[in-house]
Amino acid sequence: MCKEGYEEINGTCLDKDECTLIPGLCSPHGTCENTPGSFACNCDLGFKQDGVDCNGMPLACHFCKLLIS
């Protein structure tokens, strides 16, 4: 049995490429990077990771909202 993020192929545990298997991860404001056993979102400038997406409010707007509250 393989660890999470890996799959058994011909008796060997190999990394799953979540970025290929699940199109749209980290979209629309970022790109997906496969990592051993997982993946990472590289968010566009001004955005932050929000779960498996970079759909969060742009950072500048987030800070403005905090200042106004």
N, C-alpha and C. Protein backbone atom coordinates (compact mmCIF):
# COMPACT_ATOMS: atom_id res chain seq x y z
N MET A 1 0.86 -1.19 0.00
CA MET A 1 0.00 0.00 0.00
C MET A 1 0.90 1.25 0.00
N CYS A 2 0.50 2.23 -0.78
CA CYS A 2 1.31 3.46 -0.94
C CYS A 2 0.80 4.57 -0.03
N LYS A 3 1.71 5.50 0.28
CA LYS A 3 1.34 6.69 1.05
C LYS A 3 0.40 7.56 0.22
N GLU A 4 -0.30 8.47 0.92
CA GLU A 4 -1.18 9.42 0.23
C GLU A 4 -0.36 10.22 -0.77
N GLY A 5 -0.92 10.42 -1.95
CA GLY A 5 -0.24 11.17 -2.99
C GLY A 5 0.57 10.30 -3.94
N TYR A 6 0.57 9.00 -3.67
CA TYR A 6 1.29 8.03 -4.51
C TYR A 6 0.32 6.96 -4.95
N GLU A 7 0.64 6.28 -6.04
CA GLU A 7 -0.18 5.18 -6.52
C GLU A 7 0.74 4.02 -6.89
N GLU A 8 0.21 2.81 -6.71
CA GLU A 8 1.01 1.63 -7.02
C GLU A 8 0.85 1.27 -8.49
N ILE A 9 1.97 1.15 -9.16
CA ILE A 9 1.99 0.73 -10.56
C ILE A 9 3.06 -0.34 -10.68
N ASN A 10 2.62 -1.53 -11.07
CA ASN A 10 3.51 -2.69 -11.21
C ASN A 10 4.33 -2.93 -9.95
N GLY A 11 3.69 -2.80 -8.78
CA GLY A 11 4.34 -3.10 -7.51
C GLY A 11 5.23 -1.99 -6.97
N THR A 12 5.26 -0.83 -7.65
CA THR A 12 6.09 0.30 -7.21
C THR A 12 5.20 1.50 -6.92
N CYS A 13 5.47 2.19 -5.82
CA CYS A 13 4.72 3.40 -5.48
C CYS A 13 5.32 4.58 -6.24
N LEU A 14 4.51 5.19 -7.07
CA LEU A 14 4.94 6.33 -7.86
C LEU A 14 4.09 7.56 -7.51
N ASP A 15 4.71 8.71 -7.59
CA ASP A 15 4.04 9.98 -7.30
C ASP A 15 2.88 10.20 -8.27
N LYS A 16 1.72 10.60 -7.72
CA LYS A 16 0.60 11.04 -8.56
C LYS A 16 0.86 12.49 -8.95
N ASP A 17 0.62 12.82 -10.20
CA ASP A 17 0.76 14.21 -10.63
C ASP A 17 -0.63 14.84 -10.57
N GLU A 18 -0.95 15.41 -9.40
CA GLU A 18 -2.27 16.00 -9.20
C GLU A 18 -2.55 17.12 -10.20
N CYS A 19 -1.52 17.83 -10.62
CA CYS A 19 -1.69 18.94 -11.55
C CYS A 19 -2.21 18.46 -12.91
N THR A 20 -1.79 17.26 -13.30
CA THR A 20 -2.26 16.68 -14.56
C THR A 20 -3.60 15.98 -14.36
N LEU A 21 -3.74 15.28 -13.23
CA LEU A 21 -4.96 14.50 -12.97
C LEU A 21 -6.18 15.38 -12.71
N ILE A 22 -5.97 16.57 -12.12
CA ILE A 22 -7.08 17.45 -11.75
C ILE A 22 -6.87 18.81 -12.43
N PRO A 23 -7.27 18.93 -13.69
CA PRO A 23 -7.07 20.20 -14.39
C PRO A 23 -7.75 21.36 -13.64
N GLY A 24 -7.11 22.50 -13.64
CA GLY A 24 -7.70 23.67 -13.02
C GLY A 24 -7.29 23.90 -11.57
N LEU A 25 -6.47 22.99 -11.00
CA LEU A 25 -6.00 23.24 -9.64
C LEU A 25 -5.27 24.57 -9.61
N CYS A 26 -5.51 25.35 -8.60
CA CYS A 26 -4.85 26.65 -8.37
C CYS A 26 -5.36 27.75 -9.31
N SER A 27 -6.29 27.44 -10.18
CA SER A 27 -6.80 28.44 -11.13
C SER A 27 -7.87 29.28 -10.49
N PRO A 28 -8.18 30.41 -10.99
CA PRO A 28 -7.68 31.02 -12.22
C PRO A 28 -6.47 31.93 -11.99
N HIS A 29 -6.03 32.12 -10.77
CA HIS A 29 -4.99 33.10 -10.49
C HIS A 29 -3.69 32.47 -10.02
N GLY A 30 -3.36 31.29 -10.57
CA GLY A 30 -2.12 30.64 -10.19
C GLY A 30 -1.85 29.43 -11.05
N THR A 31 -0.69 28.83 -10.83
CA THR A 31 -0.32 27.62 -11.56
C THR A 31 0.00 26.53 -10.55
N CYS A 32 -0.25 25.30 -10.97
CA CYS A 32 -0.04 24.14 -10.13
C CYS A 32 1.36 23.58 -10.38
N GLU A 33 2.05 23.23 -9.30
CA GLU A 33 3.37 22.61 -9.40
C GLU A 33 3.32 21.27 -8.67
N ASN A 34 3.62 20.19 -9.38
CA ASN A 34 3.64 18.88 -8.75
C ASN A 34 4.84 18.79 -7.81
N THR A 35 4.61 18.23 -6.63
CA THR A 35 5.68 17.98 -5.67
C THR A 35 5.57 16.52 -5.25
N PRO A 36 6.62 15.92 -4.71
CA PRO A 36 6.55 14.51 -4.30
C PRO A 36 5.41 14.27 -3.30
N GLY A 37 4.41 13.51 -3.73
CA GLY A 37 3.29 13.15 -2.87
C GLY A 37 2.22 14.22 -2.72
N SER A 38 2.37 15.34 -3.40
CA SER A 38 1.40 16.43 -3.24
C SER A 38 1.52 17.39 -4.41
N PHE A 39 1.12 18.64 -4.17
CA PHE A 39 1.25 19.70 -5.16
C PHE A 39 1.29 21.03 -4.43
N ALA A 40 1.71 22.07 -5.13
CA ALA A 40 1.74 23.40 -4.55
C ALA A 40 1.15 24.37 -5.55
N CYS A 41 0.47 25.39 -5.03
CA CYS A 41 -0.06 26.45 -5.89
C CYS A 41 0.92 27.63 -5.88
N ASN A 42 1.33 28.03 -7.06
CA ASN A 42 2.13 29.25 -7.21
C ASN A 42 1.18 30.34 -7.66
N CYS A 43 0.75 31.16 -6.70
CA CYS A 43 -0.27 32.17 -6.98
C CYS A 43 0.32 33.38 -7.69
N ASP A 44 -0.50 33.97 -8.56
CA ASP A 44 -0.11 35.19 -9.24
C ASP A 44 0.14 36.29 -8.22
N LEU A 45 0.97 37.23 -8.62
CA LEU A 45 1.30 38.37 -7.78
C LEU A 45 0.02 39.04 -7.29
N GLY A 46 -0.09 39.24 -5.98
CA GLY A 46 -1.25 39.91 -5.40
C GLY A 46 -2.34 38.96 -4.93
N PHE A 47 -2.19 37.65 -5.17
CA PHE A 47 -3.19 36.68 -4.72
C PHE A 47 -2.55 35.72 -3.74
N LYS A 48 -3.38 35.10 -2.90
CA LYS A 48 -2.89 34.13 -1.94
C LYS A 48 -3.63 32.82 -2.12
N GLN A 49 -3.03 31.74 -1.63
CA GLN A 49 -3.66 30.43 -1.75
C GLN A 49 -4.86 30.36 -0.82
N ASP A 50 -5.95 29.85 -1.36
CA ASP A 50 -7.20 29.70 -0.63
C ASP A 50 -7.63 28.25 -0.80
N GLY A 51 -7.12 27.37 0.04
CA GLY A 51 -7.38 25.94 -0.13
C GLY A 51 -6.56 25.43 -1.30
N VAL A 52 -7.23 24.91 -2.33
CA VAL A 52 -6.53 24.40 -3.50
C VAL A 52 -6.61 25.39 -4.67
N ASP A 53 -7.00 26.60 -4.42
CA ASP A 53 -7.12 27.62 -5.45
C ASP A 53 -6.38 28.89 -5.05
N CYS A 54 -6.19 29.74 -6.01
CA CYS A 54 -5.68 31.09 -5.76
C CYS A 54 -6.81 32.07 -6.06
N ASN A 55 -8.00 31.73 -5.58
CA ASN A 55 -9.18 32.54 -5.83
C ASN A 55 -9.40 33.58 -4.76
N GLY A 56 -8.52 33.61 -3.76
CA GLY A 56 -8.68 34.55 -2.67
C GLY A 56 -8.64 35.98 -3.15
N MET A 57 -9.10 36.87 -2.32
CA MET A 57 -9.10 38.29 -2.63
C MET A 57 -7.65 38.74 -2.83
N PRO A 58 -7.38 39.60 -3.81
CA PRO A 58 -6.02 40.10 -3.94
C PRO A 58 -5.53 40.66 -2.61
N LEU A 59 -4.27 40.41 -2.29
CA LEU A 59 -3.74 40.80 -0.98
C LEU A 59 -3.93 42.28 -0.69
N ALA A 60 -3.70 43.13 -1.67
CA ALA A 60 -3.85 44.57 -1.45
C ALA A 60 -5.26 44.89 -0.99
N CYS A 61 -6.26 44.29 -1.63
CA CYS A 61 -7.65 44.55 -1.24
C CYS A 61 -7.94 43.97 0.13
N HIS A 62 -7.36 42.83 0.45
CA HIS A 62 -7.57 42.20 1.75
C HIS A 62 -7.08 43.14 2.86
N PHE A 63 -5.89 43.72 2.69
CA PHE A 63 -5.36 44.62 3.69
C PHE A 63 -6.20 45.89 3.78
N CYS A 64 -6.69 46.40 2.64
CA CYS A 64 -7.55 47.58 2.67
C CYS A 64 -8.82 47.29 3.48
N LYS A 65 -9.38 46.10 3.25
CA LYS A 65 -10.60 45.73 3.96
C LYS A 65 -10.35 45.66 5.46
N LEU A 66 -9.18 45.13 5.86
CA LEU A 66 -8.85 45.06 7.28
C LEU A 66 -8.70 46.45 7.89
N LEU A 67 -8.13 47.37 7.14
CA LEU A 67 -7.93 48.73 7.64
C LEU A 67 -9.26 49.47 7.82
N ILE A 68 -10.22 49.16 6.92
CA ILE A 68 -11.50 49.84 6.96
C ILE A 68 -12.35 49.31 8.12
N SER A 69 -12.22 48.03 8.44
CA SER A 69 -13.05 47.41 9.49
C SER A 69 -12.76 47.98 10.85
